Amino acid sequence: MDLKFKCGNELIYFKIDRQNKKAQISSSKTFYKFKPIAWKMLFDKGKERIQEIRTDHIDDKKFKVCLIVAMNQKGYVNVNS
């Protein structure tokens, strides 16, 4: 699953493999090269375990909506086509 977000001039790209619980991020901080991030980084700090348990049982479409809502709360807009 690939997601792209924008906030001002900042772009963030995510590549997410839910089956293997792996994620990569590309942003200005990584010079737009994909770097692996810990799976728990997709969740709110301090709530990682409970959010992971809740999202393990939903389909990709609902998981994507959860991430989009979370990123919207941080000021990022989804710009996937």
Protein backbone atom coordinates (compact mmCIF):
# COMPACT_ATOMS: atom_id res chain seq x y z
CA MET A 1 0.00 0.00 0.00
CA ASP A 2 1.41 3.39 -0.99
CA LEU A 3 0.27 6.68 0.50
CA LYS A 4 1.36 10.26 -0.17
CA PHE A 5 0.67 13.27 2.05
CA LYS A 6 1.36 16.98 1.76
CA CYS A 7 1.59 19.77 4.32
CA GLY A 8 2.76 23.09 2.92
CA ASN A 9 5.83 22.30 0.83
CA GLU A 10 6.50 19.03 2.66
CA LEU A 11 5.69 15.71 1.00
CA ILE A 12 5.71 12.38 2.83
CA TYR A 13 5.48 9.03 1.09
CA PHE A 14 4.68 5.77 2.86
CA LYS A 15 5.13 2.22 1.57
CA ILE A 16 3.30 -0.16 3.87
CA ASP A 17 3.35 -3.95 3.87
CA ARG A 18 0.66 -4.95 6.37
CA GLN A 19 1.14 -8.67 5.94
CA ASN A 20 4.78 -8.50 7.08
CA LYS A 21 4.28 -5.40 9.27
CA LYS A 22 6.93 -3.37 7.50
CA ALA A 23 6.86 0.29 6.62
CA GLN A 24 9.09 2.71 4.76
CA ILE A 25 9.01 6.49 4.62
CA SER A 26 10.34 9.04 2.17
CA SER A 27 10.44 12.74 3.04
CA SER A 28 12.74 15.74 2.99
CA LYS A 29 14.35 14.36 6.16
CA THR A 30 15.38 11.23 4.22
CA PHE A 31 16.26 13.25 1.10
CA TYR A 32 13.27 11.55 -0.53
CA LYS A 33 14.88 8.12 -0.34
CA PHE A 34 12.80 5.38 1.22
CA LYS A 35 14.01 4.40 4.69
CA PRO A 36 12.54 1.64 6.84
CA ILE A 37 10.69 2.72 9.96
CA ALA A 38 9.49 0.65 12.89
CA TRP A 39 5.93 -0.61 12.45
CA LYS A 40 4.90 1.06 15.73
CA MET A 41 5.79 4.47 14.24
CA LEU A 42 2.54 4.29 12.25
CA PHE A 43 0.62 4.58 15.51
CA ASP A 44 0.21 7.25 18.20
CA LYS A 45 2.99 7.30 20.77
CA GLY A 46 1.86 5.50 23.91
CA LYS A 47 -1.09 3.86 22.13
CA GLU A 48 0.88 1.67 19.72
CA ARG A 49 -0.15 -1.70 21.14
CA ILE A 50 -3.88 -1.04 21.39
CA GLN A 51 -4.02 0.64 17.97
CA GLU A 52 -2.10 -2.24 16.40
CA ILE A 53 -4.51 -4.76 17.90
CA ARG A 54 -7.51 -2.76 16.64
CA THR A 55 -6.14 -2.32 13.11
CA ASP A 56 -4.90 -5.91 12.69
CA HIS A 57 -8.47 -7.06 12.03
CA ILE A 58 -9.60 -4.44 9.52
CA ASP A 59 -9.17 -4.56 5.76
CA ASP A 60 -6.69 -2.42 3.79
CA LYS A 61 -9.31 0.14 2.80
CA LYS A 62 -10.26 0.85 6.42
CA PHE A 63 -6.60 0.82 7.50
CA LYS A 64 -5.82 3.41 4.84
CA VAL A 65 -8.70 5.59 6.09
CA CYS A 66 -7.31 5.35 9.65
CA LEU A 67 -3.90 6.57 8.49
CA ILE A 68 -5.41 9.37 6.41
CA VAL A 69 -7.47 10.60 9.37
CA ALA A 70 -4.43 10.47 11.68
CA MET A 71 -2.29 12.40 9.20
CA ASN A 72 -5.11 14.95 8.66
CA GLN A 73 -5.10 15.62 12.42
CA LYS A 74 -1.38 16.48 12.09
CA GLY A 75 -2.10 18.89 9.24
CA TYR A 76 -1.27 16.62 6.29
CA VAL A 77 -3.58 16.12 3.32
CA ASN A 78 -3.73 12.88 1.36
CA VAL A 79 -2.70 13.47 -2.25
CA ASN A 80 -2.99 9.94 -3.65
CA SER A 81 -4.57 9.71 -7.06
